[in-house]
């Protein structure tokens, strides 16, 4: 009876964590799809595509950091996600300047709502990682 209760609790906790990881992956997929749309067959903002790849690692890590009740896991995952986010932000900034910010302006003119959704998704997982780092659990 006790073993069945432990197994049930273990599965419940792992399913909860799996849902958080899945939400991070869905976030990264959204970022990837949107940045693909922003490229405009090579005539749009192509620098944004490079934000998708690190998001497939950073967003799930941020979700795990937020969901974890273990301080060491939270700190490790949030730290890695923050570093990934910072590196991606810097790369995105400089590659957009090199490419020409007018391409980003074209995307804003053509798809302002979708660009705003991308900003929310991209900045969102980074804010979750930062918030998790300061979580008091």
N, C-alpha and C. Protein backbone atom coordinates (compact mmCIF):
# COMPACT_ATOMS: atom_id res chain seq x y z
N UNK A 1 0.82 -1.20 0.00
CA UNK A 1 0.00 0.00 0.00
C UNK A 1 0.86 1.26 0.00
N UNK A 2 1.90 1.26 0.85
CA UNK A 2 2.80 2.40 0.91
C UNK A 2 3.56 2.55 -0.40
N UNK A 3 3.98 1.45 -0.99
CA UNK A 3 4.70 1.47 -2.26
C UNK A 3 3.83 2.05 -3.37
N UNK A 4 2.58 1.66 -3.40
CA UNK A 4 1.67 2.19 -4.42
C UNK A 4 1.51 3.70 -4.26
N UNK A 5 1.47 4.17 -3.03
CA UNK A 5 1.36 5.61 -2.77
C UNK A 5 2.61 6.36 -3.23
N UNK A 6 3.79 5.77 -2.98
CA UNK A 6 5.03 6.39 -3.42
C UNK A 6 5.13 6.43 -4.94
N UNK A 7 4.74 5.34 -5.58
CA UNK A 7 4.77 5.29 -7.05
C UNK A 7 3.80 6.33 -7.62
N UNK A 8 2.64 6.43 -7.02
CA UNK A 8 1.65 7.40 -7.47
C UNK A 8 2.18 8.83 -7.32
N UNK A 9 2.81 9.12 -6.19
CA UNK A 9 3.37 10.46 -5.97
C UNK A 9 4.50 10.74 -6.95
N UNK A 10 5.36 9.72 -7.19
CA UNK A 10 6.46 9.88 -8.14
C UNK A 10 5.94 10.19 -9.54
N UNK A 11 4.96 9.44 -9.99
CA UNK A 11 4.39 9.66 -11.32
C UNK A 11 3.71 11.01 -11.41
N UNK A 12 3.03 11.40 -10.34
CA UNK A 12 2.35 12.70 -10.33
C UNK A 12 3.37 13.83 -10.45
N UNK A 13 4.46 13.77 -9.69
CA UNK A 13 5.49 14.80 -9.76
C UNK A 13 6.17 14.82 -11.12
N UNK A 14 6.46 13.65 -11.67
CA UNK A 14 7.12 13.60 -12.98
C UNK A 14 6.20 14.08 -14.09
N UNK A 15 4.93 13.79 -14.01
CA UNK A 15 3.98 14.28 -15.02
C UNK A 15 3.86 15.80 -14.94
N UNK A 16 3.91 16.32 -13.74
CA UNK A 16 3.86 17.77 -13.56
C UNK A 16 5.08 18.41 -14.22
N UNK A 17 6.26 17.84 -13.97
CA UNK A 17 7.48 18.37 -14.56
C UNK A 17 7.45 18.21 -16.07
N UNK A 18 6.93 17.10 -16.57
CA UNK A 18 6.83 16.87 -18.02
C UNK A 18 5.94 17.93 -18.67
N UNK A 19 4.89 18.34 -17.98
CA UNK A 19 4.02 19.39 -18.52
C UNK A 19 4.77 20.73 -18.60
N UNK A 20 5.58 21.02 -17.60
CA UNK A 20 6.37 22.25 -17.64
C UNK A 20 7.40 22.20 -18.77
N UNK A 21 8.06 21.07 -18.93
CA UNK A 21 9.04 20.93 -20.01
C UNK A 21 8.33 21.07 -21.36
N UNK A 22 7.17 20.46 -21.50
CA UNK A 22 6.40 20.56 -22.75
C UNK A 22 6.01 22.01 -23.03
N UNK A 23 5.66 22.76 -21.98
CA UNK A 23 5.31 24.17 -22.20
C UNK A 23 6.52 24.95 -22.70
N UNK A 24 7.71 24.62 -22.20
CA UNK A 24 8.92 25.27 -22.70
C UNK A 24 9.19 24.94 -24.15
N UNK A 25 8.95 23.69 -24.52
CA UNK A 25 9.15 23.28 -25.91
C UNK A 25 8.14 23.95 -26.82
N UNK A 26 6.90 24.05 -26.38
CA UNK A 26 5.87 24.73 -27.17
C UNK A 26 6.24 26.21 -27.35
N UNK A 27 6.75 26.83 -26.31
CA UNK A 27 7.21 28.22 -26.40
C UNK A 27 8.30 28.35 -27.46
N UNK A 28 9.28 27.45 -27.41
CA UNK A 28 10.38 27.47 -28.39
C UNK A 28 9.87 27.21 -29.81
N UNK A 29 8.90 26.31 -29.95
CA UNK A 29 8.31 26.07 -31.27
C UNK A 29 7.63 27.32 -31.80
N UNK A 30 6.92 28.01 -30.92
CA UNK A 30 6.28 29.27 -31.32
C UNK A 30 7.30 30.30 -31.78
N UNK A 31 8.40 30.40 -31.04
CA UNK A 31 9.47 31.32 -31.42
C UNK A 31 10.03 30.92 -32.79
N UNK A 32 10.26 29.63 -32.98
CA UNK A 32 10.81 29.14 -34.24
C UNK A 32 9.90 29.41 -35.43
N UNK A 33 8.63 29.11 -35.27
CA UNK A 33 7.68 29.32 -36.37
C UNK A 33 7.57 30.80 -36.71
N UNK A 34 7.48 31.64 -35.68
CA UNK A 34 7.36 33.08 -35.94
C UNK A 34 8.59 33.64 -36.61
N UNK A 35 9.77 33.25 -36.14
CA UNK A 35 10.98 33.79 -36.77
C UNK A 35 11.14 33.28 -38.20
N UNK A 36 10.66 32.08 -38.47
CA UNK A 36 10.67 31.60 -39.85
C UNK A 36 9.78 32.49 -40.72
N UNK A 37 8.62 32.88 -40.19
CA UNK A 37 7.74 33.79 -40.94
C UNK A 37 8.39 35.15 -41.16
N UNK A 38 9.18 35.59 -40.19
CA UNK A 38 9.80 36.92 -40.28
C UNK A 38 10.91 36.99 -41.33
N UNK A 39 11.43 35.83 -41.75
CA UNK A 39 12.53 35.86 -42.72
C UNK A 39 12.08 36.33 -44.09
N UNK A 40 10.82 36.13 -44.41
CA UNK A 40 10.31 36.60 -45.70
C UNK A 40 11.08 36.03 -46.87
N UNK A 41 11.34 34.74 -46.86
CA UNK A 41 12.08 34.05 -47.93
C UNK A 41 13.45 34.68 -48.15
N UNK A 42 14.06 35.12 -47.07
CA UNK A 42 15.40 35.71 -47.16
C UNK A 42 15.41 37.20 -47.35
N UNK A 43 14.23 37.80 -47.49
CA UNK A 43 14.16 39.25 -47.70
C UNK A 43 13.65 39.98 -46.45
N UNK A 44 13.56 39.26 -45.37
CA UNK A 44 13.06 39.86 -44.13
C UNK A 44 14.14 39.84 -43.06
N UNK A 45 13.71 39.76 -41.82
CA UNK A 45 14.60 39.78 -40.67
C UNK A 45 15.10 38.37 -40.40
N UNK A 46 16.26 38.03 -40.93
CA UNK A 46 16.77 36.67 -40.80
C UNK A 46 17.52 36.44 -39.49
N UNK A 47 17.98 37.50 -38.84
CA UNK A 47 18.71 37.34 -37.58
C UNK A 47 17.85 36.71 -36.49
N UNK A 48 16.57 36.95 -36.56
CA UNK A 48 15.66 36.42 -35.55
C UNK A 48 15.61 34.91 -35.50
N UNK A 49 15.92 34.27 -36.62
CA UNK A 49 15.88 32.80 -36.67
C UNK A 49 16.83 32.21 -35.64
N UNK A 50 17.95 32.88 -35.41
CA UNK A 50 18.94 32.36 -34.48
C UNK A 50 18.49 32.42 -33.02
N UNK A 51 17.39 33.10 -32.76
CA UNK A 51 16.85 33.12 -31.40
C UNK A 51 16.08 31.84 -31.10
N UNK A 52 15.69 31.12 -32.14
CA UNK A 52 14.88 29.92 -31.95
C UNK A 52 15.70 28.76 -31.41
N UNK A 53 16.89 28.57 -31.94
CA UNK A 53 17.69 27.40 -31.56
C UNK A 53 18.02 27.38 -30.07
N UNK A 54 18.56 28.45 -29.50
CA UNK A 54 18.84 28.42 -28.06
C UNK A 54 17.57 28.35 -27.21
N UNK A 55 16.46 28.80 -27.75
CA UNK A 55 15.20 28.75 -27.00
C UNK A 55 14.74 27.32 -26.76
N UNK A 56 15.15 26.39 -27.63
CA UNK A 56 14.78 24.99 -27.42
C UNK A 56 15.47 24.39 -26.21
N UNK A 57 16.53 25.01 -25.75
CA UNK A 57 17.19 24.59 -24.52
C UNK A 57 16.78 25.50 -23.36
N UNK A 58 16.81 26.80 -23.61
CA UNK A 58 16.56 27.78 -22.55
C UNK A 58 15.14 27.77 -22.00
N UNK A 59 14.16 27.67 -22.87
CA UNK A 59 12.77 27.72 -22.41
C UNK A 59 12.40 26.51 -21.54
N UNK A 60 12.72 25.28 -21.95
CA UNK A 60 12.44 24.14 -21.06
C UNK A 60 13.23 24.21 -19.75
N UNK A 61 14.48 24.68 -19.81
CA UNK A 61 15.26 24.83 -18.57
C UNK A 61 14.62 25.84 -17.63
N UNK A 62 14.13 26.94 -18.20
CA UNK A 62 13.46 27.95 -17.38
C UNK A 62 12.20 27.36 -16.74
N UNK A 63 11.49 26.55 -17.50
CA UNK A 63 10.27 25.92 -16.96
C UNK A 63 10.60 24.95 -15.85
N UNK A 64 11.66 24.17 -16.01
CA UNK A 64 12.08 23.24 -14.96
C UNK A 64 12.52 24.01 -13.73
N UNK A 65 13.25 25.09 -13.93
CA UNK A 65 13.69 25.91 -12.80
C UNK A 65 12.50 26.45 -12.03
N UNK A 66 11.48 26.87 -12.75
CA UNK A 66 10.28 27.42 -12.10
C UNK A 66 9.51 26.34 -11.35
N UNK A 67 9.42 25.15 -11.95
CA UNK A 67 8.59 24.09 -11.38
C UNK A 67 9.27 23.31 -10.27
N UNK A 68 10.58 23.30 -10.25
CA UNK A 68 11.30 22.46 -9.30
C UNK A 68 11.16 22.97 -7.87
N UNK A 69 11.02 22.04 -6.96
CA UNK A 69 10.97 22.40 -5.54
C UNK A 69 12.34 22.22 -4.88
N UNK A 70 13.31 21.74 -5.64
CA UNK A 70 14.66 21.55 -5.12
C UNK A 70 15.52 22.77 -5.46
N UNK A 71 16.04 23.41 -4.44
CA UNK A 71 16.78 24.66 -4.61
C UNK A 71 17.97 24.50 -5.56
N UNK A 72 18.70 23.39 -5.46
CA UNK A 72 19.87 23.18 -6.32
C UNK A 72 19.47 23.07 -7.79
N UNK A 73 18.39 22.36 -8.05
CA UNK A 73 17.90 22.20 -9.44
C UNK A 73 17.43 23.55 -9.96
N UNK A 74 16.69 24.27 -9.14
CA UNK A 74 16.19 25.58 -9.53
C UNK A 74 17.34 26.52 -9.87
N UNK A 75 18.33 26.58 -9.01
CA UNK A 75 19.46 27.48 -9.22
C UNK A 75 20.28 27.09 -10.45
N UNK A 76 20.55 25.80 -10.61
CA UNK A 76 21.34 25.35 -11.76
C UNK A 76 20.60 25.61 -13.07
N UNK A 77 19.34 25.20 -13.14
CA UNK A 77 18.58 25.37 -14.38
C UNK A 77 18.35 26.84 -14.71
N UNK A 78 18.02 27.64 -13.71
CA UNK A 78 17.78 29.06 -13.97
C UNK A 78 19.07 29.75 -14.38
N UNK A 79 20.19 29.40 -13.77
CA UNK A 79 21.47 30.01 -14.13
C UNK A 79 21.85 29.70 -15.58
N UNK A 80 21.70 28.45 -15.96
CA UNK A 80 22.02 28.06 -17.34
C UNK A 80 21.08 28.76 -18.32
N UNK A 81 19.79 28.79 -17.99
CA UNK A 81 18.81 29.45 -18.88
C UNK A 81 19.10 30.95 -19.00
N UNK A 82 19.48 31.59 -17.90
CA UNK A 82 19.81 33.02 -17.94
C UNK A 82 21.03 33.26 -18.82
N UNK A 83 22.04 32.42 -18.70
CA UNK A 83 23.24 32.57 -19.55
C UNK A 83 22.90 32.35 -21.02
N UNK A 84 22.08 31.35 -21.30
CA UNK A 84 21.65 31.11 -22.69
C UNK A 84 20.88 32.33 -23.21
N UNK A 85 19.98 32.84 -22.40
CA UNK A 85 19.20 34.01 -22.80
C UNK A 85 20.07 35.23 -23.04
N UNK A 86 21.00 35.48 -22.14
CA UNK A 86 21.88 36.64 -22.29
C UNK A 86 22.73 36.52 -23.55
N UNK A 87 23.30 35.34 -23.77
CA UNK A 87 24.09 35.13 -24.98
C UNK A 87 23.27 35.30 -26.24
N UNK A 88 22.05 34.79 -26.22
CA UNK A 88 21.17 34.91 -27.38
C UNK A 88 20.76 36.36 -27.61
N UNK A 89 20.47 37.07 -26.52
CA UNK A 89 20.11 38.49 -26.65
C UNK A 89 21.24 39.30 -27.28
N UNK A 90 22.45 39.08 -26.79
CA UNK A 90 23.60 39.81 -27.33
C UNK A 90 23.83 39.47 -28.80
N UNK A 91 23.77 38.18 -29.12
CA UNK A 91 23.96 37.77 -30.51
C UNK A 91 22.87 38.38 -31.39
N UNK A 92 21.63 38.33 -30.93
CA UNK A 92 20.51 38.87 -31.70
C UNK A 92 20.66 40.37 -31.92
N UNK A 93 21.08 41.07 -30.89
CA UNK A 93 21.27 42.52 -30.99
C UNK A 93 22.31 42.86 -32.04
N UNK A 94 23.49 42.24 -31.92
CA UNK A 94 24.57 42.58 -32.84
C UNK A 94 24.32 42.07 -34.25
N UNK A 95 23.70 40.91 -34.40
CA UNK A 95 23.42 40.42 -35.75
C UNK A 95 22.33 41.24 -36.43
N UNK A 96 21.39 41.76 -35.64
CA UNK A 96 20.36 42.64 -36.21
C UNK A 96 20.97 43.96 -36.66
N UNK A 97 21.91 44.49 -35.88
CA UNK A 97 22.60 45.72 -36.29
C UNK A 97 23.42 45.50 -37.56
N UNK A 98 24.09 44.35 -37.62
CA UNK A 98 24.91 44.05 -38.80
C UNK A 98 24.05 43.83 -40.03
N UNK A 99 22.93 43.16 -39.85
CA UNK A 99 22.02 42.88 -40.96
C UNK A 99 21.34 44.16 -41.43
N UNK A 100 21.06 45.02 -40.49
CA UNK A 100 20.34 46.26 -40.78
C UNK A 100 19.00 46.24 -40.07
N UNK A 101 18.81 47.17 -39.17
CA UNK A 101 17.58 47.17 -38.39
C UNK A 101 16.35 47.50 -39.24
N UNK A 102 16.57 47.97 -40.47
CA UNK A 102 15.43 48.24 -41.35
C UNK A 102 14.63 46.97 -41.64
N UNK A 103 15.31 45.80 -41.60
CA UNK A 103 14.59 44.54 -41.83
C UNK A 103 13.62 44.26 -40.67
N UNK A 104 14.07 44.55 -39.47
CA UNK A 104 13.18 44.40 -38.32
C UNK A 104 12.01 45.38 -38.43
N UNK A 105 12.29 46.57 -38.92
CA UNK A 105 11.23 47.55 -39.15
C UNK A 105 10.21 47.08 -40.17
N UNK A 106 10.68 46.38 -41.19
CA UNK A 106 9.76 45.83 -42.19
C UNK A 106 8.83 44.79 -41.58
N UNK A 107 9.40 43.97 -40.71
CA UNK A 107 8.57 42.96 -40.04
C UNK A 107 7.53 43.66 -39.17
N UNK A 108 7.94 44.71 -38.46
CA UNK A 108 7.00 45.45 -37.61
C UNK A 108 5.87 46.04 -38.45
N UNK A 109 6.20 46.57 -39.62
CA UNK A 109 5.17 47.14 -40.49
C UNK A 109 4.23 46.08 -41.05
N UNK A 110 4.78 44.92 -41.38
CA UNK A 110 3.99 43.87 -42.01
C UNK A 110 3.21 43.02 -41.00
N UNK A 111 3.82 42.73 -39.84
CA UNK A 111 3.23 41.81 -38.87
C UNK A 111 3.43 42.28 -37.43
N UNK A 112 2.86 43.41 -37.07
CA UNK A 112 3.13 43.93 -35.72
C UNK A 112 2.62 43.02 -34.60
N UNK A 113 1.47 42.41 -34.81
CA UNK A 113 0.93 41.54 -33.77
C UNK A 113 1.81 40.31 -33.57
N UNK A 114 2.23 39.70 -34.67
CA UNK A 114 3.08 38.50 -34.57
C UNK A 114 4.44 38.82 -33.97
N UNK A 115 4.98 39.99 -34.30
CA UNK A 115 6.26 40.39 -33.70
C UNK A 115 6.09 40.62 -32.20
N UNK A 116 4.97 41.19 -31.80
CA UNK A 116 4.70 41.38 -30.36
C UNK A 116 4.57 40.03 -29.66
N UNK A 117 3.92 39.06 -30.30
CA UNK A 117 3.81 37.72 -29.72
C UNK A 117 5.20 37.10 -29.58
N UNK A 118 6.04 37.26 -30.61
CA UNK A 118 7.40 36.73 -30.53
C UNK A 118 8.16 37.36 -29.36
N UNK A 119 8.04 38.68 -29.21
CA UNK A 119 8.73 39.36 -28.10
C UNK A 119 8.25 38.80 -26.76
N UNK A 120 6.94 38.60 -26.62
CA UNK A 120 6.42 38.03 -25.37
C UNK A 120 6.94 36.63 -25.11
N UNK A 121 6.98 35.80 -26.14
CA UNK A 121 7.50 34.44 -25.97
C UNK A 121 8.99 34.44 -25.66
N UNK A 122 9.75 35.21 -26.43
CA UNK A 122 11.20 35.22 -26.30
C UNK A 122 11.63 35.84 -24.97
N UNK A 123 11.05 36.96 -24.62
CA UNK A 123 11.39 37.59 -23.34
C UNK A 123 10.75 36.84 -22.18
N UNK A 124 9.63 36.19 -22.46
CA UNK A 124 8.89 35.49 -21.40
C UNK A 124 9.68 34.38 -20.76
N UNK A 125 10.29 33.51 -21.56
CA UNK A 125 11.03 32.40 -20.94
C UNK A 125 12.25 32.92 -20.19
N UNK A 126 12.80 34.03 -20.66
CA UNK A 126 13.94 34.60 -19.94
C UNK A 126 13.51 35.21 -18.60
N UNK A 127 12.34 35.83 -18.58
CA UNK A 127 11.82 36.38 -17.33
C UNK A 127 11.46 35.27 -16.34
N UNK A 128 10.96 34.16 -16.86
CA UNK A 128 10.67 33.01 -16.00
C UNK A 128 11.97 32.50 -15.37
N UNK A 129 13.04 32.43 -16.15
CA UNK A 129 14.33 31.98 -15.62
C UNK A 129 14.85 32.93 -14.54
N UNK A 130 14.75 34.22 -14.79
CA UNK A 130 15.20 35.20 -13.79
C UNK A 130 14.35 35.13 -12.54
N UNK A 131 13.04 35.01 -12.71
CA UNK A 131 12.14 34.89 -11.57
C UNK A 131 12.44 33.64 -10.75
N UNK A 132 12.71 32.54 -11.44
CA UNK A 132 13.00 31.29 -10.74
C UNK A 132 14.28 31.39 -9.93
N UNK A 133 15.24 32.15 -10.42
CA UNK A 133 16.51 32.30 -9.69
C UNK A 133 16.30 32.98 -8.34
N UNK A 134 15.27 33.80 -8.24
CA UNK A 134 15.01 34.51 -6.99
C UNK A 134 13.85 33.92 -6.21
N UNK A 135 13.37 32.75 -6.65
CA UNK A 135 12.27 32.06 -5.97
C UNK A 135 12.73 31.61 -4.59
N UNK A 136 11.86 31.64 -3.63
CA UNK A 136 12.22 31.33 -2.24
C UNK A 136 11.79 29.93 -1.80
N UNK A 137 11.80 28.96 -2.66
CA UNK A 137 11.37 27.62 -2.21
C UNK A 137 12.52 26.75 -1.84
